[in-house]
Structure formats: structure tokens, C-alpha cells
């Protein structure tokens, strides 16, 4: 996924991936304003869980760059989430 992000002029590095303590049961998130990825260090149960969350958020980063996703448009937001659900089933 990092290669695909680079192909659309993006990057994934320590500058835009942040591991923080989160409140609630959230495991990660994507901040569309600056393209940052957040991983919730206190909620991730294993290396695999962390990798799955990182991959999920990287798809959001790719969609932001490739398709100029409007995160305030519920259709855009739903589209990226539905695609991720489909990928997780295959």
C-alpha cells in the first residue's frame, strides 16, 4: 500500500503516522486535513491487529490522494468504508 501511496505523490513515514493513547475503543483513524494516520497504542492487541489497522488507514490515505475524497460527503465516506469491508471479506 505504501508503494501505491507513493505513486500518487504521497508518503507514509514517522512524520505522518502517530501512535497515541486513545480514549474509548477506537483503534485508529485517518485525519484527512493533513493525511495523518493515528494508531491507538492502548487498543491494539497484537502485531497483526496493528498491521490490519495500519493497512485500513493507508487505504483512506490513498483514496484521499487518488480520488480527492470529500470526507464531508457521506457518499464519498461510505464508498471508502464499504470498499474496505469488501476487501476484508476476500
PDB file of N, CA and C in Angstrom:
ATOM      1  N   UNK A   1       0.827  -1.193   0.000  1.00  0.00           N
ATOM      2  CA  UNK A   1       0.000   0.000   0.000  1.00  0.00           C
ATOM      3  C   UNK A   1       0.869   1.254   0.000  1.00  0.00           C
ATOM      4  N   UNK A   2       2.007   1.199   0.684  1.00  0.00           N
ATOM      5  CA  UNK A   2       2.906   2.364   0.707  1.00  0.00           C
ATOM      6  C   UNK A   2       3.384   2.699  -0.706  1.00  0.00           C
ATOM      7  N   UNK A   3       3.643   1.669  -1.527  1.00  0.00           N
ATOM      8  CA  UNK A   3       4.054   1.914  -2.913  1.00  0.00           C
ATOM      9  C   UNK A   3       2.946   2.606  -3.694  1.00  0.00           C
ATOM     10  N   UNK A   4       1.717   2.179  -3.496  1.00  0.00           N
ATOM     11  CA  UNK A   4       0.592   2.810  -4.184  1.00  0.00           C
ATOM     12  C   UNK A   4       0.413   4.262  -3.751  1.00  0.00           C
ATOM     13  N   UNK A   5       0.641   4.533  -2.485  1.00  0.00           N
ATOM     14  CA  UNK A   5       0.545   5.908  -1.993  1.00  0.00           C
ATOM     15  C   UNK A   5       1.642   6.765  -2.617  1.00  0.00           C
ATOM     16  N   UNK A   6       2.850   6.210  -2.736  1.00  0.00           N
ATOM     17  CA  UNK A   6       3.949   6.949  -3.387  1.00  0.00           C
ATOM     18  C   UNK A   6       3.623   7.250  -4.846  1.00  0.00           C
ATOM     19  N   UNK A   7       2.962   6.329  -5.521  1.00  0.00           N
ATOM     20  CA  UNK A   7       2.615   6.516  -6.936  1.00  0.00           C
ATOM     21  C   UNK A   7       1.657   7.682  -7.161  1.00  0.00           C
ATOM     22  N   UNK A   8       0.913   8.058  -6.132  1.00  0.00           N
ATOM     23  CA  UNK A   8       0.003   9.199  -6.256  1.00  0.00           C
ATOM     24  C   UNK A   8       0.541  10.402  -5.469  1.00  0.00           C
ATOM     25  N   UNK A   9       1.880  10.454  -5.364  1.00  0.00           N
ATOM     26  CA  UNK A   9       2.599  11.581  -4.757  1.00  0.00           C
ATOM     27  C   UNK A   9       2.345  11.763  -3.267  1.00  0.00           C
ATOM     28  N   UNK A  10       2.156  10.677  -2.556  1.00  0.00           N
ATOM     29  CA  UNK A  10       2.022  10.725  -1.111  1.00  0.00           C
ATOM     30  C   UNK A  10       3.179  10.003  -0.447  1.00  0.00           C
ATOM     31  N   UNK A  11       3.162   9.954   0.856  1.00  0.00           N
ATOM     32  CA  UNK A  11       4.189   9.213   1.584  1.00  0.00           C
ATOM     33  C   UNK A  11       3.638   8.772   2.942  1.00  0.00           C
ATOM     34  N   UNK A  12       4.225   7.725   3.455  1.00  0.00           N
ATOM     35  CA  UNK A  12       3.914   7.235   4.794  1.00  0.00           C
ATOM     36  C   UNK A  12       5.241   7.166   5.534  1.00  0.00           C
ATOM     37  N   UNK A  13       5.336   7.919   6.611  1.00  0.00           N
ATOM     38  CA  UNK A  13       6.589   7.959   7.372  1.00  0.00           C
ATOM     39  C   UNK A  13       6.292   8.331   8.818  1.00  0.00           C
ATOM     40  N   UNK A  14       7.349   8.426   9.606  1.00  0.00           N
ATOM     41  CA  UNK A  14       7.174   8.821  11.007  1.00  0.00           C
ATOM     42  C   UNK A  14       6.600  10.228  11.130  1.00  0.00           C
ATOM     43  N   UNK A  15       6.658  10.991  10.049  1.00  0.00           N
ATOM     44  CA  UNK A  15       6.128  12.357  10.081  1.00  0.00           C
ATOM     45  C   UNK A  15       4.598  12.404  10.038  1.00  0.00           C
ATOM     46  N   UNK A  16       3.967  11.363   9.474  1.00  0.00           N
ATOM     47  CA  UNK A  16       2.508  11.415   9.361  1.00  0.00           C
ATOM     48  C   UNK A  16       1.802  10.161   9.898  1.00  0.00           C
ATOM     49  N   UNK A  17       2.525   9.329  10.636  1.00  0.00           N
ATOM     50  CA  UNK A  17       1.917   8.205  11.350  1.00  0.00           C
ATOM     51  C   UNK A  17       2.209   8.400  12.833  1.00  0.00           C
ATOM     52  N   UNK A  18       1.152   8.456  13.628  1.00  0.00           N
ATOM     53  CA  UNK A  18       1.300   8.779  15.042  1.00  0.00           C
ATOM     54  C   UNK A  18       0.686   7.683  15.912  1.00  0.00           C
ATOM     55  N   UNK A  19       1.449   7.194  16.870  1.00  0.00           N
ATOM     56  CA  UNK A  19       0.963   6.223  17.848  1.00  0.00           C
ATOM     57  C   UNK A  19       0.659   6.982  19.130  1.00  0.00           C
ATOM     58  N   UNK A  20      -0.604   6.944  19.531  1.00  0.00           N
ATOM     59  CA  UNK A  20      -1.033   7.707  20.703  1.00  0.00           C
ATOM     60  C   UNK A  20      -1.959   6.863  21.571  1.00  0.00           C
ATOM     61  N   UNK A  21      -2.150   7.302  22.803  1.00  0.00           N
ATOM     62  CA  UNK A  21      -3.159   6.689  23.671  1.00  0.00           C
ATOM     63  C   UNK A  21      -4.501   7.297  23.308  1.00  0.00           C
ATOM     64  N   UNK A  22      -5.494   6.455  23.121  1.00  0.00           N
ATOM     65  CA  UNK A  22      -6.822   6.919  22.721  1.00  0.00           C
ATOM     66  C   UNK A  22      -7.840   6.634  23.811  1.00  0.00           C
ATOM     67  N   UNK A  23      -8.887   7.422  23.829  1.00  0.00           N
ATOM     68  CA  UNK A  23      -9.998   7.247  24.758  1.00  0.00           C
ATOM     69  C   UNK A  23     -11.077   6.440  24.040  1.00  0.00           C
ATOM     70  N   UNK A  24     -11.737   5.558  24.747  1.00  0.00           N
ATOM     71  CA  UNK A  24     -12.792   4.745  24.146  1.00  0.00           C
ATOM     72  C   UNK A  24     -12.206   3.499  23.511  1.00  0.00           C
ATOM     73  N   UNK A  25     -12.950   2.905  22.587  1.00  0.00           N
ATOM     74  CA  UNK A  25     -12.496   1.658  21.976  1.00  0.00           C
ATOM     75  C   UNK A  25     -12.012   1.825  20.540  1.00  0.00           C
ATOM     76  N   UNK A  26     -11.696   3.027  20.162  1.00  0.00           N
ATOM     77  CA  UNK A  26     -11.155   3.319  18.838  1.00  0.00           C
ATOM     78  C   UNK A  26      -9.760   2.699  18.704  1.00  0.00           C
ATOM     79  N   UNK A  27      -9.447   2.122  17.537  1.00  0.00           N
ATOM     80  CA  UNK A  27      -8.133   1.505  17.342  1.00  0.00           C
ATOM     81  C   UNK A  27      -7.231   2.305  16.416  1.00  0.00           C
ATOM     82  N   UNK A  28      -7.803   3.249  15.703  1.00  0.00           N
ATOM     83  CA  UNK A  28      -7.010   4.064  14.795  1.00  0.00           C
ATOM     84  C   UNK A  28      -7.899   5.044  14.063  1.00  0.00           C
ATOM     85  N   UNK A  29      -7.272   5.865  13.241  1.00  0.00           N
ATOM     86  CA  UNK A  29      -8.044   6.833  12.481  1.00  0.00           C
ATOM     87  C   UNK A  29      -7.201   7.500  11.415  1.00  0.00           C
ATOM     88  N   UNK A  30      -7.894   8.200  10.552  1.00  0.00           N
ATOM     89  CA  UNK A  30      -7.262   8.943   9.470  1.00  0.00           C
ATOM     90  C   UNK A  30      -7.696  10.391   9.589  1.00  0.00           C
ATOM     91  N   UNK A  31      -6.748  11.310   9.504  1.00  0.00           N
ATOM     92  CA  UNK A  31      -7.039  12.739   9.593  1.00  0.00           C
ATOM     93  C   UNK A  31      -6.911  13.320   8.190  1.00  0.00           C
ATOM     94  N   UNK A  32      -8.043  13.509   7.505  1.00  0.00           N
ATOM     95  CA  UNK A  32      -7.993  13.916   6.102  1.00  0.00           C
ATOM     96  C   UNK A  32      -7.388  15.299   5.852  1.00  0.00           C
ATOM     97  N   UNK A  33      -7.470  16.186   6.830  1.00  0.00           N
ATOM     98  CA  UNK A  33      -6.949  17.547   6.619  1.00  0.00           C
ATOM     99  C   UNK A  33      -5.467  17.545   6.283  1.00  0.00           C
ATOM    100  N   UNK A  34      -4.701  16.673   6.925  1.00  0.00           N
ATOM    101  CA  UNK A  34      -3.259  16.653   6.643  1.00  0.00           C
ATOM    102  C   UNK A  34      -2.753  15.276   6.203  1.00  0.00           C
ATOM    103  N   UNK A  35      -3.662  14.314   6.079  1.00  0.00           N
ATOM    104  CA  UNK A  35      -3.266  12.987   5.624  1.00  0.00           C
ATOM    105  C   UNK A  35      -2.578  12.133   6.667  1.00  0.00           C
ATOM    106  N   UNK A  36      -2.714  12.502   7.936  1.00  0.00           N
ATOM    107  CA  UNK A  36      -2.063  11.747   9.010  1.00  0.00           C
ATOM    108  C   UNK A  36      -2.843  10.491   9.377  1.00  0.00           C
ATOM    109  N   UNK A  37      -2.101   9.500   9.820  1.00  0.00           N
ATOM    110  CA  UNK A  37      -2.668   8.252  10.318  1.00  0.00           C
ATOM    111  C   UNK A  37      -2.396   8.181  11.816  1.00  0.00           C
ATOM    112  N   UNK A  38      -3.422   7.803  12.569  1.00  0.00           N
ATOM    113  CA  UNK A  38      -3.298   7.656  14.015  1.00  0.00           C
ATOM    114  C   UNK A  38      -3.537   6.189  14.359  1.00  0.00           C
ATOM    115  N   UNK A  39      -2.645   5.616  15.153  1.00  0.00           N
ATOM    116  CA  UNK A  39      -2.819   4.264  15.684  1.00  0.00           C
ATOM    117  C   UNK A  39      -2.932   4.371  17.197  1.00  0.00           C
ATOM    118  N   UNK A  40      -3.918   3.705  17.759  1.00  0.00           N
ATOM    119  CA  UNK A  40      -4.172   3.782  19.202  1.00  0.00           C
ATOM    120  C   UNK A  40      -3.394   2.691  19.923  1.00  0.00           C
ATOM    121  N   UNK A  41      -2.268   3.063  20.486  1.00  0.00           N
ATOM    122  CA  UNK A  41      -1.345   2.103  21.093  1.00  0.00           C
ATOM    123  C   UNK A  41      -1.969   1.315  22.240  1.00  0.00           C
ATOM    124  N   UNK A  42      -2.922   1.893  22.931  1.00  0.00           N
ATOM    125  CA  UNK A  42      -3.522   1.207  24.073  1.00  0.00           C
ATOM    126  C   UNK A  42      -4.696   0.304  23.680  1.00  0.00           C
ATOM    127  N   UNK A  43      -5.036   0.249  22.397  1.00  0.00           N
ATOM    128  CA  UNK A  43      -6.158  -0.580  21.957  1.00  0.00           C
ATOM    129  C   UNK A  43      -5.745  -1.725  21.036  1.00  0.00           C
ATOM    130  N   UNK A  44      -4.549  -1.667  20.492  1.00  0.00           N
ATOM    131  CA  UNK A  44      -4.104  -2.681  19.540  1.00  0.00           C
ATOM    132  C   UNK A  44      -3.604  -3.902  20.292  1.00  0.00           C
ATOM    133  N   UNK A  45      -4.166  -5.083  19.976  1.00  0.00           N
ATOM    134  CA  UNK A  45      -3.940  -6.301  20.756  1.00  0.00           C
ATOM    135  C   UNK A  45      -2.727  -7.110  20.312  1.00  0.00           C
ATOM    136  N   UNK A  46      -2.292  -6.921  19.068  1.00  0.00           N
ATOM    137  CA  UNK A  46      -1.195  -7.742  18.554  1.00  0.00           C
ATOM    138  C   UNK A  46      -0.570  -7.049  17.350  1.00  0.00           C
ATOM    139  N   UNK A  47       0.533  -7.598  16.897  1.00  0.00           N
ATOM    140  CA  UNK A  47       1.185  -7.059  15.704  1.00  0.00           C
ATOM    141  C   UNK A  47       0.235  -7.127  14.507  1.00  0.00           C
ATOM    142  N   UNK A  48      -0.456  -8.250  14.365  1.00  0.00           N
ATOM    143  CA  UNK A  48      -1.404  -8.409  13.262  1.00  0.00           C
ATOM    144  C   UNK A  48      -2.538  -7.401  13.316  1.00  0.00           C
ATOM    145  N   UNK A  49      -3.059  -7.152  14.514  1.00  0.00           N
ATOM    146  CA  UNK A  49      -4.121  -6.159  14.693  1.00  0.00           C
ATOM    147  C   UNK A  49      -3.616  -4.775  14.295  1.00  0.00           C
ATOM    148  N   UNK A  50      -2.384  -4.456  14.688  1.00  0.00           N
ATOM    149  CA  UNK A  50      -1.769  -3.179  14.327  1.00  0.00           C
ATOM    150  C   UNK A  50      -1.609  -3.077  12.805  1.00  0.00           C
ATOM    151  N   UNK A  51      -1.116  -4.149  12.186  1.00  0.00           N
ATOM    152  CA  UNK A  51      -0.921  -4.149  10.729  1.00  0.00           C
ATOM    153  C   UNK A  51      -2.244  -3.991   9.990  1.00  0.00           C
ATOM    154  N   UNK A  52      -3.292  -4.667  10.458  1.00  0.00           N
ATOM    155  CA  UNK A  52      -4.609  -4.535   9.824  1.00  0.00           C
ATOM    156  C   UNK A  52      -5.121  -3.108   9.912  1.00  0.00           C
ATOM    157  N   UNK A  53      -4.963  -2.490  11.080  1.00  0.00           N
ATOM    158  CA  UNK A  53      -5.411  -1.105  11.250  1.00  0.00           C
ATOM    159  C   UNK A  53      -4.594  -0.148  10.391  1.00  0.00           C
ATOM    160  N   UNK A  54      -3.286  -0.370  10.343  1.00  0.00           N
ATOM    161  CA  UNK A  54      -2.424   0.479   9.521  1.00  0.00           C
ATOM    162  C   UNK A  54      -2.840   0.376   8.049  1.00  0.00           C
ATOM    163  N   UNK A  55      -3.076  -0.829   7.571  1.00  0.00           N
ATOM    164  CA  UNK A  55      -3.496  -1.026   6.185  1.00  0.00           C
ATOM    165  C   UNK A  55      -4.825  -0.327   5.914  1.00  0.00           C
ATOM    166  N   UNK A  56      -5.757  -0.438   6.848  1.00  0.00           N
ATOM    167  CA  UNK A  56      -7.063   0.206   6.706  1.00  0.00           C
ATOM    168  C   UNK A  56      -6.905   1.722   6.549  1.00  0.00           C
ATOM    169  N   UNK A  57      -6.124   2.312   7.424  1.00  0.00           N
ATOM    170  CA  UNK A  57      -5.941   3.767   7.374  1.00  0.00           C
ATOM    171  C   UNK A  57      -5.142   4.193   6.142  1.00  0.00           C
ATOM    172  N   UNK A  58      -4.231   3.343   5.688  1.00  0.00           N
ATOM    173  CA  UNK A  58      -3.475   3.659   4.476  1.00  0.00           C
ATOM    174  C   UNK A  58      -4.379   3.675   3.246  1.00  0.00           C
ATOM    175  N   UNK A  59      -5.409   2.841   3.226  1.00  0.00           N
ATOM    176  CA  UNK A  59      -6.373   2.892   2.119  1.00  0.00           C
ATOM    177  C   UNK A  59      -7.077   4.239   2.119  1.00  0.00           C
ATOM    178  N   UNK A  60      -7.436   4.751   3.293  1.00  0.00           N
ATOM    179  CA  UNK A  60      -8.042   6.085   3.363  1.00  0.00           C
ATOM    180  C   UNK A  60      -7.072   7.147   2.833  1.00  0.00           C
ATOM    181  N   UNK A  61      -5.805   7.014   3.187  1.00  0.00           N
ATOM    182  CA  UNK A  61      -4.798   7.973   2.699  1.00  0.00           C
ATOM    183  C   UNK A  61      -4.705   7.905   1.177  1.00  0.00           C
ATOM    184  N   UNK A  62      -4.693   6.702   0.629  1.00  0.00           N
ATOM    185  CA  UNK A  62      -4.647   6.531  -0.824  1.00  0.00           C
ATOM    186  C   UNK A  62      -5.887   7.144  -1.476  1.00  0.00           C
ATOM    187  N   UNK A  63      -7.072   6.846  -0.938  1.00  0.00           N
ATOM    188  CA  UNK A  63      -8.312   7.391  -1.504  1.00  0.00           C
ATOM    189  C   UNK A  63      -8.306   8.909  -1.499  1.00  0.00           C
ATOM    190  N   UNK A  64      -7.786   9.501  -0.436  1.00  0.00           N
ATOM    191  CA  UNK A  64      -7.714  10.968  -0.345  1.00  0.00           C
ATOM    192  C   UNK A  64      -6.891  11.534  -1.492  1.00  0.00           C
ATOM    193  N   UNK A  65      -5.752  10.892  -1.775  1.00  0.00           N
ATOM    194  CA  UNK A  65      -4.851  11.385  -2.814  1.00  0.00           C
ATOM    195  C   UNK A  65      -5.339  11.043  -4.225  1.00  0.00           C
ATOM    196  N   UNK A  66      -5.765   9.826  -4.426  1.00  0.00           N
ATOM    197  CA  UNK A  66      -6.106   9.344  -5.769  1.00  0.00           C
ATOM    198  C   UNK A  66      -7.456   9.856  -6.252  1.00  0.00           C
ATOM    199  N   UNK A  67      -8.438   9.882  -5.355  1.00  0.00           N
ATOM    200  CA  UNK A  67      -9.800  10.210  -5.761  1.00  0.00           C
ATOM    201  C   UNK A  67     -10.297  11.538  -5.213  1.00  0.00           C
ATOM    202  N   UNK A  68      -9.416  12.276  -4.519  1.00  0.00           N
ATOM    203  CA  UNK A  68      -9.800  13.562  -3.933  1.00  0.00           C
ATOM    204  C   UNK A  68     -11.090  13.413  -3.120  1.00  0.00           C
ATOM    205  N   UNK A  69     -11.094  12.440  -2.237  1.00  0.00           N
ATOM    206  CA  UNK A  69     -12.268  12.130  -1.420  1.00  0.00           C
ATOM    207  C   UNK A  69     -12.688  13.346  -0.599  1.00  0.00           C
ATOM    208  N   UNK A  70     -13.976  13.655  -0.666  1.00  0.00           N
ATOM    209  CA  UNK A  70     -14.556  14.724   0.149  1.00  0.00           C
ATOM    210  C   UNK A  70     -15.131  14.066   1.400  1.00  0.00           C
ATOM    211  N   UNK A  71     -14.421  14.156   2.510  1.00  0.00           N
ATOM    212  CA  UNK A  71     -14.808  13.438   3.725  1.00  0.00           C
ATOM    213  C   UNK A  71     -16.061  14.003   4.367  1.00  0.00           C
ATOM    214  N   UNK A  72     -16.502  15.179   3.946  1.00  0.00           N
ATOM    215  CA  UNK A  72     -17.768  15.720   4.462  1.00  0.00           C
ATOM    216  C   UNK A  72     -18.952  15.217   3.632  1.00  0.00           C
ATOM    217  N   UNK A  73     -18.676  14.562   2.510  1.00  0.00           N
ATOM    218  CA  UNK A  73     -19.711  13.976   1.660  1.00  0.00           C
ATOM    219  C   UNK A  73     -19.928  12.527   2.116  1.00  0.00           C
ATOM    220  N   UNK A  74     -21.098  12.242   2.657  1.00  0.00           N
ATOM    221  CA  UNK A  74     -21.354  10.908   3.205  1.00  0.00           C
ATOM    222  C   UNK A  74     -21.231   9.810   2.154  1.00  0.00           C
ATOM    223  N   UNK A  75     -21.535  10.104   0.902  1.00  0.00           N
ATOM    224  CA  UNK A  75     -21.379   9.097  -0.160  1.00  0.00           C
ATOM    225  C   UNK A  75     -19.912   8.749  -0.365  1.00  0.00           C
ATOM    226  N   UNK A  76     -19.047   9.749  -0.366  1.00  0.00           N
ATOM    227  CA  UNK A  76     -17.605   9.505  -0.503  1.00  0.00           C
ATOM    228  C   UNK A  76     -17.096   8.676   0.677  1.00  0.00           C
ATOM    229  N   UNK A  77     -17.481   9.105   1.867  1.00  0.00           N
ATOM    230  CA  UNK A  77     -17.018   8.422   3.078  1.00  0.00           C
ATOM    231  C   UNK A  77     -17.517   6.975   3.096  1.00  0.00           C
ATOM    232  N   UNK A  78     -18.782   6.789   2.779  1.00  0.00           N
ATOM    233  CA  UNK A  78     -19.350   5.433   2.757  1.00  0.00           C
ATOM    234  C   UNK A  78     -18.663   4.569   1.711  1.00  0.00           C
ATOM    235  N   UNK A  79     -18.347   5.129   0.572  1.00  0.00           N
ATOM    236  CA  UNK A  79     -17.715   4.367  -0.505  1.00  0.00           C
ATOM    237  C   UNK A  79     -16.382   3.780  -0.050  1.00  0.00           C
ATOM    238  N   UNK A  80     -15.554   4.589   0.582  1.00  0.00           N
ATOM    239  CA  UNK A  80     -14.253   4.086   1.017  1.00  0.00           C
ATOM    240  C   UNK A  80     -14.406   3.039   2.115  1.00  0.00           C
ATOM    241  N   UNK A  81     -15.369   3.210   3.012  1.00  0.00           N
ATOM    242  CA  UNK A  81     -15.578   2.229   4.079  1.00  0.00           C
ATOM    243  C   UNK A  81     -16.149   0.922   3.528  1.00  0.00           C
ATOM    244  N   UNK A  82     -17.085   1.013   2.593  1.00  0.00           N
ATOM    245  CA  UNK A  82     -17.659  -0.193   2.003  1.00  0.00           C
ATOM    246  C   UNK A  82     -16.586  -0.971   1.231  1.00  0.00           C
ATOM    247  N   UNK A  83     -15.754  -0.262   0.495  1.00  0.00           N
ATOM    248  CA  UNK A  83     -14.663  -0.934  -0.220  1.00  0.00           C
ATOM    249  C   UNK A  83     -13.743  -1.649   0.749  1.00  0.00           C
ATOM    250  N   UNK A  84     -13.439  -1.040   1.865  1.00  0.00           N
ATOM    251  CA  UNK A  84     -12.580  -1.680   2.859  1.00  0.00           C
ATOM    252  C   UNK A  84     -13.247  -2.908   3.460  1.00  0.00           C
ATOM    253  N   UNK A  85     -14.556  -2.844   3.695  1.00  0.00           N
ATOM    254  CA  UNK A  85     -15.265  -4.013   4.211  1.00  0.00           C
ATOM    255  C   UNK A  85     -15.224  -5.146   3.202  1.00  0.00           C
ATOM    256  N   UNK A  86     -15.395  -4.821   1.931  1.00  0.00           N
ATOM    257  CA  UNK A  86     -15.343  -5.838   0.875  1.00  0.00           C
ATOM    258  C   UNK A  86     -13.958  -6.481   0.835  1.00  0.00           C
ATOM    259  N   UNK A  87     -12.918  -5.679   0.930  1.00  0.00           N
ATOM    260  CA  UNK A  87     -11.560  -6.214   0.905  1.00  0.00           C
ATOM    261  C   UNK A  87     -11.287  -7.118   2.101  1.00  0.00           C
ATOM    262  N   UNK A  88     -11.844  -6.787   3.247  1.00  0.00           N
ATOM    263  CA  UNK A  88     -11.593  -7.587   4.438  1.00  0.00           C
ATOM    264  C   UNK A  88     -12.307  -8.941   4.377  1.00  0.00           C
ATOM    265  N   UNK A  89     -13.336  -9.065   3.533  1.00  0.00           N
ATOM    266  CA  UNK A  89     -14.050 -10.325   3.381  1.00  0.00           C
ATOM    267  C   UNK A  89     -13.380 -11.266   2.393  1.00  0.00           C
ATOM    268  N   UNK A  90     -12.529 -10.705   1.538  1.00  0.00           N
ATOM    269  CA  UNK A  90     -11.915 -11.551   0.497  1.00  0.00           C
ATOM    270  C   UNK A  90     -10.614 -12.146   0.938  1.00  0.00           C
TER     271      UNK A  90
END
